[in-house]
Amino acid sequence: MKTLYKIIALTLIAATGLLAAGCRDCPTNGKLDNQWQIMKIEYPDGTVQQPEKLYYCFYRDIVQLTTGGVVATANLTQKGSTLTMEFPYSTADKLTPWGLTLAPGEPTNVTGPVYTVEIDHLSDRTLRMVTSQGVTISCRKF
């Protein structure tokens, strides 16, 4: 009888170990890995936009810009509070509604634009990013 209890106990320990070491991918970017709704975009010239139904979705090495459906997908690289987003299949003119702008004079119809943003504030409920062009993008967790 004691042998049966030992076998059952060892089986439960092994099963628990296997479940704990599952193959599910966990978020690697901490609080950033979420879907964020854009609440306000502030441009350096003082223009303010409050878009409806525009979202940033961050997860692991990917960022998606959505309007309910995916519009653009980028490769994401994070170094500290700096995010670099490379959009290999999109053009810059499609990404401007999300506050992503290029330097004056750069072509907007070329595929593969790269944007750098700095995380100015990140909490459980809010995210504020500033682009390299000085555009401030304020979001709430959705």
Protein backbone atom coordinates (compact mmCIF):
# COMPACT_ATOMS: atom_id res chain seq x y z
CA MET A 1 0.00 0.00 0.00
CA LYS A 2 2.87 2.39 0.82
CA THR A 3 4.41 1.63 -2.55
CA LEU A 4 1.14 2.59 -4.29
CA TYR A 5 1.08 5.95 -2.46
CA LYS A 6 4.69 6.62 -3.46
CA ILE A 7 3.93 5.85 -7.11
CA ILE A 8 0.88 8.14 -7.07
CA ALA A 9 2.85 10.92 -5.36
CA LEU A 10 5.72 10.66 -7.86
CA THR A 11 3.27 10.65 -10.77
CA LEU A 12 1.58 13.81 -9.45
CA ILE A 13 4.94 15.53 -8.96
CA ALA A 14 6.01 14.61 -12.50
CA ALA A 15 2.69 15.78 -13.99
CA THR A 16 2.91 19.08 -12.10
CA GLY A 17 6.45 19.60 -13.36
CA LEU A 18 5.41 18.96 -16.95
CA LEU A 19 2.48 21.37 -16.68
CA ALA A 20 4.67 24.08 -15.16
CA ALA A 21 7.22 23.74 -17.96
CA GLY A 22 4.64 24.00 -20.75
CA CYS A 23 5.46 25.47 -24.13
CA ARG A 24 3.20 28.53 -23.94
CA ASP A 25 4.96 31.76 -24.95
CA CYS A 26 4.79 34.35 -22.22
CA PRO A 27 5.02 38.11 -22.69
CA THR A 28 8.62 39.31 -22.83
CA ASN A 29 7.98 43.06 -22.69
CA GLY A 30 6.26 43.19 -19.30
CA LYS A 31 3.43 45.72 -19.06
CA LEU A 32 3.95 46.80 -22.69
CA ASP A 33 2.62 43.50 -24.08
CA ASN A 34 -1.06 44.43 -24.44
CA GLN A 35 -3.53 46.08 -26.74
CA TRP A 36 -3.49 49.87 -26.34
CA GLN A 37 -6.16 52.25 -27.63
CA ILE A 38 -4.91 55.62 -28.81
CA MET A 39 -6.63 58.36 -26.86
CA LYS A 40 -4.69 61.41 -28.05
CA ILE A 41 -1.95 62.29 -30.54
CA GLU A 42 -0.10 65.58 -30.01
CA TYR A 43 2.05 66.93 -32.85
CA PRO A 44 4.98 69.34 -32.33
CA ASP A 45 3.09 72.14 -34.13
CA GLY A 46 0.38 72.02 -31.43
CA THR A 47 -2.15 70.01 -33.43
CA VAL A 48 -4.05 67.49 -31.30
CA GLN A 49 -6.03 64.53 -32.64
CA GLN A 50 -8.29 62.19 -30.70
CA PRO A 51 -8.74 59.27 -33.10
CA GLU A 52 -11.44 56.68 -32.66
CA LYS A 53 -10.74 52.97 -32.72
CA LEU A 54 -7.00 53.02 -33.48
CA TYR A 55 -4.89 50.54 -31.55
CA TYR A 56 -1.30 49.44 -30.97
CA CYS A 57 -0.99 45.73 -30.11
CA PHE A 58 2.39 44.77 -28.66
CA TYR A 59 3.31 41.12 -28.14
CA ARG A 60 6.83 39.72 -27.92
CA ASP A 61 8.72 40.76 -31.10
CA ILE A 62 5.67 42.04 -33.01
CA VAL A 63 3.58 45.20 -33.02
CA GLN A 64 0.33 45.44 -34.95
CA LEU A 65 -1.55 48.60 -35.83
CA THR A 66 -5.25 47.90 -35.93
CA THR A 67 -8.62 49.54 -36.44
CA GLY A 68 -10.45 46.44 -35.26
CA GLY A 69 -8.69 44.48 -38.02
CA VAL A 70 -4.95 44.36 -38.61
CA VAL A 71 -3.72 47.15 -40.89
CA ALA A 72 0.06 46.81 -40.48
CA THR A 73 2.49 44.50 -38.72
CA ALA A 74 6.02 45.44 -37.64
CA ASN A 75 9.06 43.74 -36.21
CA LEU A 76 9.67 45.16 -32.73
CA THR A 77 13.02 45.67 -31.05
CA GLN A 78 13.17 47.04 -27.51
CA LYS A 79 16.30 48.42 -25.85
CA GLY A 80 15.44 49.89 -22.49
CA SER A 81 12.67 52.41 -23.06
CA THR A 82 13.40 52.75 -26.79
CA LEU A 83 11.24 50.85 -29.27
CA THR A 84 12.18 50.36 -32.90
CA MET A 85 9.39 49.29 -35.25
CA GLU A 86 10.18 48.10 -38.77
CA PHE A 87 7.20 47.72 -41.12
CA PRO A 88 8.48 45.49 -43.97
CA TYR A 89 5.17 45.35 -45.89
CA SER A 90 3.72 48.82 -45.31
CA THR A 91 4.33 52.35 -46.50
CA ALA A 92 4.63 55.40 -44.28
CA ASP A 93 1.51 57.06 -45.69
CA LYS A 94 -0.64 54.16 -44.35
CA LEU A 95 0.82 54.59 -40.83
CA THR A 96 0.29 58.32 -40.23
CA PRO A 97 -3.12 57.90 -38.51
CA TRP A 98 -1.24 56.19 -35.62
CA GLY A 99 1.01 59.23 -35.15
CA LEU A 100 3.97 57.73 -36.99
CA THR A 101 5.58 60.37 -39.19
CA LEU A 102 8.84 60.62 -41.08
CA ALA A 103 11.32 63.48 -41.19
CA PRO A 104 10.43 66.22 -43.70
CA GLY A 105 11.53 65.31 -47.20
CA GLU A 106 11.58 61.55 -46.69
CA PRO A 107 9.41 59.62 -49.19
CA THR A 108 6.20 58.26 -47.68
CA ASN A 109 5.35 55.75 -50.41
CA VAL A 110 8.41 53.50 -49.94
CA THR A 111 7.85 50.07 -48.39
CA GLY A 112 9.62 49.25 -45.13
CA PRO A 113 9.70 52.41 -43.00
CA VAL A 114 11.43 52.21 -39.61
CA TYR A 115 10.24 54.26 -36.62
CA THR A 116 11.82 54.83 -33.24
CA VAL A 117 9.71 55.78 -30.23
CA GLU A 118 10.64 56.43 -26.62
CA ILE A 119 8.36 55.19 -23.83
CA ASP A 120 7.73 58.31 -21.77
CA HIS A 121 5.28 56.66 -19.33
CA LEU A 122 4.08 53.08 -18.85
CA SER A 123 1.73 51.81 -16.13
CA ASP A 124 -0.86 49.07 -15.81
CA ARG A 125 -3.45 51.30 -17.47
CA THR A 126 -1.68 53.99 -19.54
CA LEU A 127 1.10 54.27 -22.11
CA ARG A 128 2.66 57.45 -23.49
CA MET A 129 5.20 57.29 -26.32
CA VAL A 130 7.18 60.05 -28.02
CA THR A 131 8.37 59.50 -31.59
CA SER A 132 11.71 60.65 -32.95
CA GLN A 133 9.75 63.43 -34.74
CA GLY A 134 8.38 64.75 -31.39
CA VAL A 135 4.87 63.34 -31.72
CA THR A 136 3.36 62.29 -28.36
CA ILE A 137 0.99 59.30 -28.50
CA SER A 138 -1.13 58.72 -25.39
CA CYS A 139 -2.88 55.36 -25.00
CA ARG A 140 -4.99 53.43 -22.53
CA LYS A 141 -5.03 49.69 -22.03
CA PHE A 142 -7.94 48.23 -23.93
